[in-house]
């Protein structure tokens, strides 16, 4: 996407959306072109960043209950 400074000021939400989507926004100025880009990758999610941080023991079965039946009884 190409835009001039006046257009950037007028349509900043549109330019921002394009940059966050992974596009390059070229801002034309008298002194030269500027490029607006997002610093993060949109496919990179928080859980993906934590990959390899946690380790699970082989003997843990996540399909079994994690609490005892006695812990579920309401006390009156």
PDB file of N, CA and C in Angstrom:
ATOM      1  N   UNK A   1       0.846  -1.168   0.000  1.00  0.00           N
ATOM      2  CA  UNK A   1       0.000   0.000   0.000  1.00  0.00           C
ATOM      3  C   UNK A   1       0.895   1.234   0.000  1.00  0.00           C
ATOM      4  N   UNK A   2       0.558   2.204  -0.828  1.00  0.00           N
ATOM      5  CA  UNK A   2       1.292   3.466  -0.877  1.00  0.00           C
ATOM      6  C   UNK A   2       0.356   4.589  -0.453  1.00  0.00           C
ATOM      7  N   UNK A   3       0.902   5.510   0.314  1.00  0.00           N
ATOM      8  CA  UNK A   3       0.092   6.600   0.837  1.00  0.00           C
ATOM      9  C   UNK A   3       1.008   7.803   1.065  1.00  0.00           C
ATOM     10  N   UNK A   4       0.461   9.015   0.977  1.00  0.00           N
ATOM     11  CA  UNK A   4       1.267  10.185   1.308  1.00  0.00           C
ATOM     12  C   UNK A   4       0.989  10.587   2.754  1.00  0.00           C
ATOM     13  N   UNK A   5       1.678  11.598   3.241  1.00  0.00           N
ATOM     14  CA  UNK A   5       1.556  11.986   4.649  1.00  0.00           C
ATOM     15  C   UNK A   5       0.134  12.437   4.968  1.00  0.00           C
ATOM     16  N   UNK A   6      -0.470  13.212   4.077  1.00  0.00           N
ATOM     17  CA  UNK A   6      -1.851  13.662   4.313  1.00  0.00           C
ATOM     18  C   UNK A   6      -2.800  12.475   4.377  1.00  0.00           C
ATOM     19  N   UNK A   7      -2.612  11.531   3.468  1.00  0.00           N
ATOM     20  CA  UNK A   7      -3.447  10.331   3.469  1.00  0.00           C
ATOM     21  C   UNK A   7      -3.229   9.490   4.713  1.00  0.00           C
ATOM     22  N   UNK A   8      -1.989   9.437   5.186  1.00  0.00           N
ATOM     23  CA  UNK A   8      -1.698   8.689   6.409  1.00  0.00           C
ATOM     24  C   UNK A   8      -2.418   9.313   7.598  1.00  0.00           C
ATOM     25  N   UNK A   9      -2.379  10.631   7.700  1.00  0.00           N
ATOM     26  CA  UNK A   9      -3.063  11.308   8.797  1.00  0.00           C
ATOM     27  C   UNK A   9      -4.577  11.115   8.705  1.00  0.00           C
ATOM     28  N   UNK A  10      -5.095  11.116   7.516  1.00  0.00           N
ATOM     29  CA  UNK A  10      -6.532  10.974   7.303  1.00  0.00           C
ATOM     30  C   UNK A  10      -6.992   9.531   7.483  1.00  0.00           C
ATOM     31  N   UNK A  11      -6.213   8.579   6.948  1.00  0.00           N
ATOM     32  CA  UNK A  11      -6.626   7.170   6.937  1.00  0.00           C
ATOM     33  C   UNK A  11      -5.696   6.284   7.766  1.00  0.00           C
ATOM     34  N   UNK A  12      -5.241   6.784   8.923  1.00  0.00           N
ATOM     35  CA  UNK A  12      -4.311   5.992   9.724  1.00  0.00           C
ATOM     36  C   UNK A  12      -4.868   4.625  10.110  1.00  0.00           C
ATOM     37  N   UNK A  13      -6.142   4.495  10.515  1.00  0.00           N
ATOM     38  CA  UNK A  13      -6.640   3.160  10.862  1.00  0.00           C
ATOM     39  C   UNK A  13      -6.514   2.151   9.710  1.00  0.00           C
ATOM     40  N   UNK A  14      -6.718   2.607   8.497  1.00  0.00           N
ATOM     41  CA  UNK A  14      -6.585   1.734   7.326  1.00  0.00           C
ATOM     42  C   UNK A  14      -5.124   1.309   7.131  1.00  0.00           C
ATOM     43  N   UNK A  15      -4.200   2.256   7.273  1.00  0.00           N
ATOM     44  CA  UNK A  15      -2.768   1.955   7.122  1.00  0.00           C
ATOM     45  C   UNK A  15      -2.293   1.036   8.242  1.00  0.00           C
ATOM     46  N   UNK A  16      -2.753   1.285   9.451  1.00  0.00           N
ATOM     47  CA  UNK A  16      -2.387   0.459  10.603  1.00  0.00           C
ATOM     48  C   UNK A  16      -2.875  -0.971  10.412  1.00  0.00           C
ATOM     49  N   UNK A  17      -4.096  -1.119   9.947  1.00  0.00           N
ATOM     50  CA  UNK A  17      -4.667  -2.453   9.715  1.00  0.00           C
ATOM     51  C   UNK A  17      -3.846  -3.214   8.669  1.00  0.00           C
ATOM     52  N   UNK A  18      -3.450  -2.535   7.625  1.00  0.00           N
ATOM     53  CA  UNK A  18      -2.630  -3.154   6.574  1.00  0.00           C
ATOM     54  C   UNK A  18      -1.278  -3.600   7.122  1.00  0.00           C
ATOM     55  N   UNK A  19      -0.653  -2.753   7.940  1.00  0.00           N
ATOM     56  CA  UNK A  19       0.651  -3.095   8.520  1.00  0.00           C
ATOM     57  C   UNK A  19       0.533  -4.273   9.489  1.00  0.00           C
ATOM     58  N   UNK A  20      -0.501  -4.280  10.321  1.00  0.00           N
ATOM     59  CA  UNK A  20      -0.690  -5.371  11.271  1.00  0.00           C
ATOM     60  C   UNK A  20      -1.028  -6.689  10.582  1.00  0.00           C
ATOM     61  N   UNK A  21      -1.581  -6.607   9.400  1.00  0.00           N
ATOM     62  CA  UNK A  21      -1.892  -7.804   8.610  1.00  0.00           C
ATOM     63  C   UNK A  21      -0.639  -8.395   7.967  1.00  0.00           C
ATOM     64  N   UNK A  22       0.469  -7.688   8.083  1.00  0.00           N
ATOM     65  CA  UNK A  22       1.716  -8.176   7.510  1.00  0.00           C
ATOM     66  C   UNK A  22       2.139  -7.439   6.256  1.00  0.00           C
ATOM     67  N   UNK A  23       1.367  -6.463   5.837  1.00  0.00           N
ATOM     68  CA  UNK A  23       1.700  -5.701   4.636  1.00  0.00           C
ATOM     69  C   UNK A  23       2.679  -4.577   4.907  1.00  0.00           C
ATOM     70  N   UNK A  24       3.219  -4.032   3.841  1.00  0.00           N
ATOM     71  CA  UNK A  24       4.126  -2.872   3.930  1.00  0.00           C
ATOM     72  C   UNK A  24       3.354  -1.645   3.484  1.00  0.00           C
ATOM     73  N   UNK A  25       3.402  -0.613   4.293  1.00  0.00           N
ATOM     74  CA  UNK A  25       2.773   0.658   3.946  1.00  0.00           C
ATOM     75  C   UNK A  25       3.902   1.624   3.619  1.00  0.00           C
ATOM     76  N   UNK A  26       3.962   2.060   2.364  1.00  0.00           N
ATOM     77  CA  UNK A  26       5.001   2.999   1.918  1.00  0.00           C
ATOM     78  C   UNK A  26       4.424   4.410   1.990  1.00  0.00           C
ATOM     79  N   UNK A  27       5.069   5.239   2.797  1.00  0.00           N
ATOM     80  CA  UNK A  27       4.621   6.613   2.984  1.00  0.00           C
ATOM     81  C   UNK A  27       5.531   7.507   2.146  1.00  0.00           C
ATOM     82  N   UNK A  28       4.947   8.146   1.133  1.00  0.00           N
ATOM     83  CA  UNK A  28       5.703   9.016   0.228  1.00  0.00           C
ATOM     84  C   UNK A  28       5.847  10.403   0.853  1.00  0.00           C
ATOM     85  N   UNK A  29       7.090  10.865   0.997  1.00  0.00           N
ATOM     86  CA  UNK A  29       7.348  12.217   1.503  1.00  0.00           C
ATOM     87  C   UNK A  29       8.283  12.933   0.535  1.00  0.00           C
ATOM     88  N   UNK A  30       8.447  14.234   0.713  1.00  0.00           N
ATOM     89  CA  UNK A  30       9.353  14.992  -0.146  1.00  0.00           C
ATOM     90  C   UNK A  30      10.801  14.577   0.076  1.00  0.00           C
ATOM     91  N   UNK A  31      11.113  14.201   1.293  1.00  0.00           N
ATOM     92  CA  UNK A  31      12.491  13.831   1.630  1.00  0.00           C
ATOM     93  C   UNK A  31      12.825  12.395   1.240  1.00  0.00           C
ATOM     94  N   UNK A  32      11.834  11.586   0.997  1.00  0.00           N
ATOM     95  CA  UNK A  32      12.047  10.180   0.661  1.00  0.00           C
ATOM     96  C   UNK A  32      10.906   9.323   1.191  1.00  0.00           C
ATOM     97  N   UNK A  33      10.966   8.066   0.874  1.00  0.00           N
ATOM     98  CA  UNK A  33       9.910   7.149   1.291  1.00  0.00           C
ATOM     99  C   UNK A  33      10.180   6.580   2.682  1.00  0.00           C
ATOM    100  N   UNK A  34       9.116   6.386   3.432  1.00  0.00           N
ATOM    101  CA  UNK A  34       9.166   5.740   4.734  1.00  0.00           C
ATOM    102  C   UNK A  34       8.346   4.455   4.637  1.00  0.00           C
ATOM    103  N   UNK A  35       8.720   3.453   5.399  1.00  0.00           N
ATOM    104  CA  UNK A  35       7.998   2.184   5.378  1.00  0.00           C
ATOM    105  C   UNK A  35       7.436   1.912   6.764  1.00  0.00           C
ATOM    106  N   UNK A  36       6.145   1.621   6.818  1.00  0.00           N
ATOM    107  CA  UNK A  36       5.472   1.260   8.063  1.00  0.00           C
ATOM    108  C   UNK A  36       5.169  -0.230   8.005  1.00  0.00           C
ATOM    109  N   UNK A  37       5.724  -0.966   8.982  1.00  0.00           N
ATOM    110  CA  UNK A  37       5.509  -2.415   9.034  1.00  0.00           C
ATOM    111  C   UNK A  37       5.295  -2.822  10.480  1.00  0.00           C
ATOM    112  N   UNK A  38       4.613  -3.929  10.659  1.00  0.00           N
ATOM    113  CA  UNK A  38       4.420  -4.479  11.993  1.00  0.00           C
ATOM    114  C   UNK A  38       5.682  -5.206  12.427  1.00  0.00           C
ATOM    115  N   UNK A  39       6.038  -5.104  13.700  1.00  0.00           N
ATOM    116  CA  UNK A  39       7.250  -5.733  14.195  1.00  0.00           C
ATOM    117  C   UNK A  39       7.048  -7.209  14.511  1.00  0.00           C
ATOM    118  N   UNK A  40       5.839  -7.593  14.861  1.00  0.00           N
ATOM    119  CA  UNK A  40       5.587  -8.995  15.201  1.00  0.00           C
ATOM    120  C   UNK A  40       4.939  -9.731  14.043  1.00  0.00           C
ATOM    121  N   UNK A  41       5.094 -11.022  14.074  1.00  0.00           N
ATOM    122  CA  UNK A  41       4.480 -11.879  13.061  1.00  0.00           C
ATOM    123  C   UNK A  41       3.087 -12.251  13.548  1.00  0.00           C
ATOM    124  N   UNK A  42       2.070 -12.133  12.700  1.00  0.00           N
ATOM    125  CA  UNK A  42       0.707 -12.407  13.130  1.00  0.00           C
ATOM    126  C   UNK A  42       0.469 -13.881  13.436  1.00  0.00           C
ATOM    127  N   UNK A  43       1.282 -14.801  12.883  1.00  0.00           N
ATOM    128  CA  UNK A  43       1.109 -16.221  13.170  1.00  0.00           C
ATOM    129  C   UNK A  43       1.735 -16.624  14.499  1.00  0.00           C
ATOM    130  N   UNK A  44       2.534 -15.782  15.070  1.00  0.00           N
ATOM    131  CA  UNK A  44       3.242 -16.113  16.299  1.00  0.00           C
ATOM    132  C   UNK A  44       2.340 -15.797  17.490  1.00  0.00           C
ATOM    133  N   UNK A  45       1.822 -16.823  18.124  1.00  0.00           N
ATOM    134  CA  UNK A  45       0.917 -16.666  19.256  1.00  0.00           C
ATOM    135  C   UNK A  45       1.668 -16.881  20.564  1.00  0.00           C
ATOM    136  N   UNK A  46       1.053 -16.489  21.661  1.00  0.00           N
ATOM    137  CA  UNK A  46       1.698 -16.593  22.969  1.00  0.00           C
ATOM    138  C   UNK A  46       2.080 -18.022  23.298  1.00  0.00           C
ATOM    139  N   UNK A  47       1.186 -18.975  23.079  1.00  0.00           N
ATOM    140  CA  UNK A  47       1.514 -20.360  23.384  1.00  0.00           C
ATOM    141  C   UNK A  47       2.638 -20.869  22.499  1.00  0.00           C
ATOM    142  N   UNK A  48       2.684 -20.419  21.273  1.00  0.00           N
ATOM    143  CA  UNK A  48       3.765 -20.811  20.383  1.00  0.00           C
ATOM    144  C   UNK A  48       5.105 -20.287  20.871  1.00  0.00           C
ATOM    145  N   UNK A  49       5.093 -19.120  21.466  1.00  0.00           N
ATOM    146  CA  UNK A  49       6.323 -18.552  22.006  1.00  0.00           C
ATOM    147  C   UNK A  49       6.824 -19.344  23.213  1.00  0.00           C
ATOM    148  N   UNK A  50       5.911 -20.019  23.899  1.00  0.00           N
ATOM    149  CA  UNK A  50       6.272 -20.763  25.103  1.00  0.00           C
ATOM    150  C   UNK A  50       6.627 -22.224  24.804  1.00  0.00           C
ATOM    151  N   UNK A  51       6.661 -22.591  23.531  1.00  0.00           N
ATOM    152  CA  UNK A  51       6.970 -23.961  23.148  1.00  0.00           C
ATOM    153  C   UNK A  51       8.320 -24.379  23.726  1.00  0.00           C
ATOM    154  N   UNK A  52       8.324 -25.531  24.377  1.00  0.00           N
ATOM    155  CA  UNK A  52       9.544 -26.055  24.963  1.00  0.00           C
ATOM    156  C   UNK A  52       9.817 -25.562  26.379  1.00  0.00           C
ATOM    157  N   UNK A  53       8.979 -24.645  26.876  1.00  0.00           N
ATOM    158  CA  UNK A  53       9.185 -24.106  28.214  1.00  0.00           C
ATOM    159  C   UNK A  53       8.755 -25.101  29.293  1.00  0.00           C
ATOM    160  N   UNK A  54       7.654 -25.803  29.040  1.00  0.00           N
ATOM    161  CA  UNK A  54       7.103 -26.725  30.019  1.00  0.00           C
ATOM    162  C   UNK A  54       7.444 -28.154  29.636  1.00  0.00           C
ATOM    163  N   UNK A  55       7.709 -28.952  30.661  1.00  0.00           N
ATOM    164  CA  UNK A  55       8.000 -30.362  30.425  1.00  0.00           C
ATOM    165  C   UNK A  55       6.981 -31.203  31.168  1.00  0.00           C
ATOM    166  N   UNK A  56       6.503 -32.268  30.526  1.00  0.00           N
ATOM    167  CA  UNK A  56       5.496 -33.146  31.107  1.00  0.00           C
ATOM    168  C   UNK A  56       6.125 -34.507  31.341  1.00  0.00           C
ATOM    169  N   UNK A  57       5.882 -35.048  32.508  1.00  0.00           N
ATOM    170  CA  UNK A  57       6.386 -36.371  32.846  1.00  0.00           C
ATOM    171  C   UNK A  57       5.636 -37.419  32.018  1.00  0.00           C
ATOM    172  N   UNK A  58       6.316 -38.456  31.587  1.00  0.00           N
ATOM    173  CA  UNK A  58       5.708 -39.501  30.755  1.00  0.00           C
ATOM    174  C   UNK A  58       4.588 -40.245  31.474  1.00  0.00           C
ATOM    175  N   UNK A  59       4.694 -40.386  32.811  1.00  0.00           N
ATOM    176  CA  UNK A  59       3.691 -41.165  33.534  1.00  0.00           C
ATOM    177  C   UNK A  59       2.417 -40.380  33.849  1.00  0.00           C
ATOM    178  N   UNK A  60       2.348 -39.122  33.506  1.00  0.00           N
ATOM    179  CA  UNK A  60       1.144 -38.316  33.737  1.00  0.00           C
ATOM    180  C   UNK A  60       0.134 -38.588  32.635  1.00  0.00           C
ATOM    181  N   UNK A  61      -1.089 -38.934  33.044  1.00  0.00           N
ATOM    182  CA  UNK A  61      -2.171 -39.185  32.090  1.00  0.00           C
ATOM    183  C   UNK A  61      -3.195 -38.059  32.231  1.00  0.00           C
ATOM    184  N   UNK A  62      -3.271 -37.183  31.264  1.00  0.00           N
ATOM    185  CA  UNK A  62      -4.157 -36.027  31.336  1.00  0.00           C
ATOM    186  C   UNK A  62      -5.625 -36.389  31.153  1.00  0.00           C
ATOM    187  N   UNK A  63      -5.929 -37.635  30.807  1.00  0.00           N
ATOM    188  CA  UNK A  63      -7.324 -38.045  30.647  1.00  0.00           C
ATOM    189  C   UNK A  63      -7.942 -38.475  31.971  1.00  0.00           C
ATOM    190  N   UNK A  64      -7.139 -38.641  33.027  1.00  0.00           N
ATOM    191  CA  UNK A  64      -7.636 -39.040  34.339  1.00  0.00           C
ATOM    192  C   UNK A  64      -7.953 -37.808  35.180  1.00  0.00           C
ATOM    193  N   UNK A  65      -8.856 -37.953  36.174  1.00  0.00           N
ATOM    194  CA  UNK A  65      -9.166 -36.820  37.064  1.00  0.00           C
ATOM    195  C   UNK A  65      -7.924 -36.373  37.829  1.00  0.00           C
ATOM    196  N   UNK A  66      -7.859 -35.110  38.132  1.00  0.00           N
ATOM    197  CA  UNK A  66      -6.708 -34.572  38.849  1.00  0.00           C
ATOM    198  C   UNK A  66      -7.008 -34.320  40.322  1.00  0.00           C
ATOM    199  N   UNK A  67      -8.266 -34.513  40.725  1.00  0.00           N
ATOM    200  CA  UNK A  67      -8.639 -34.346  42.125  1.00  0.00           C
ATOM    201  C   UNK A  67      -9.340 -35.612  42.611  1.00  0.00           C
ATOM    202  N   UNK A  68      -9.401 -35.773  43.921  1.00  0.00           N
ATOM    203  CA  UNK A  68     -10.075 -36.919  44.521  1.00  0.00           C
ATOM    204  C   UNK A  68     -11.570 -36.658  44.610  1.00  0.00           C
ATOM    205  N   UNK A  69     -12.382 -37.725  44.676  1.00  0.00           N
ATOM    206  CA  UNK A  69     -13.830 -37.567  44.819  1.00  0.00           C
ATOM    207  C   UNK A  69     -14.175 -36.819  46.096  1.00  0.00           C
ATOM    208  N   UNK A  70     -13.416 -37.038  47.161  1.00  0.00           N
ATOM    209  CA  UNK A  70     -13.696 -36.382  48.447  1.00  0.00           C
ATOM    210  C   UNK A  70     -13.547 -34.858  48.348  1.00  0.00           C
ATOM    211  N   UNK A  71     -12.761 -34.374  47.427  1.00  0.00           N
ATOM    212  CA  UNK A  71     -12.573 -32.932  47.263  1.00  0.00           C
ATOM    213  C   UNK A  71     -13.784 -32.260  46.620  1.00  0.00           C
ATOM    214  N   UNK A  72     -14.660 -33.040  46.015  1.00  0.00           N
ATOM    215  CA  UNK A  72     -15.838 -32.501  45.350  1.00  0.00           C
ATOM    216  C   UNK A  72     -17.071 -32.465  46.255  1.00  0.00           C
ATOM    217  N   UNK A  73     -17.005 -33.070  47.426  1.00  0.00           N
ATOM    218  CA  UNK A  73     -18.165 -33.121  48.320  1.00  0.00           C
ATOM    219  C   UNK A  73     -18.367 -31.768  49.006  1.00  0.00           C
ATOM    220  N   UNK A  74     -19.579 -31.312  48.953  1.00  0.00           N
ATOM    221  CA  UNK A  74     -19.904 -30.040  49.589  1.00  0.00           C
ATOM    222  C   UNK A  74     -20.076 -30.254  51.092  1.00  0.00           C
ATOM    223  N   UNK A  75     -19.530 -29.369  51.874  1.00  0.00           N
ATOM    224  CA  UNK A  75     -19.677 -29.447  53.325  1.00  0.00           C
ATOM    225  C   UNK A  75     -20.748 -28.478  53.767  1.00  0.00           C
ATOM    226  N   UNK A  76     -21.711 -28.971  54.565  1.00  0.00           N
ATOM    227  CA  UNK A  76     -22.811 -28.128  55.035  1.00  0.00           C
ATOM    228  C   UNK A  76     -22.633 -27.738  56.471  1.00  0.00           C
TER     229      UNK A  76
END
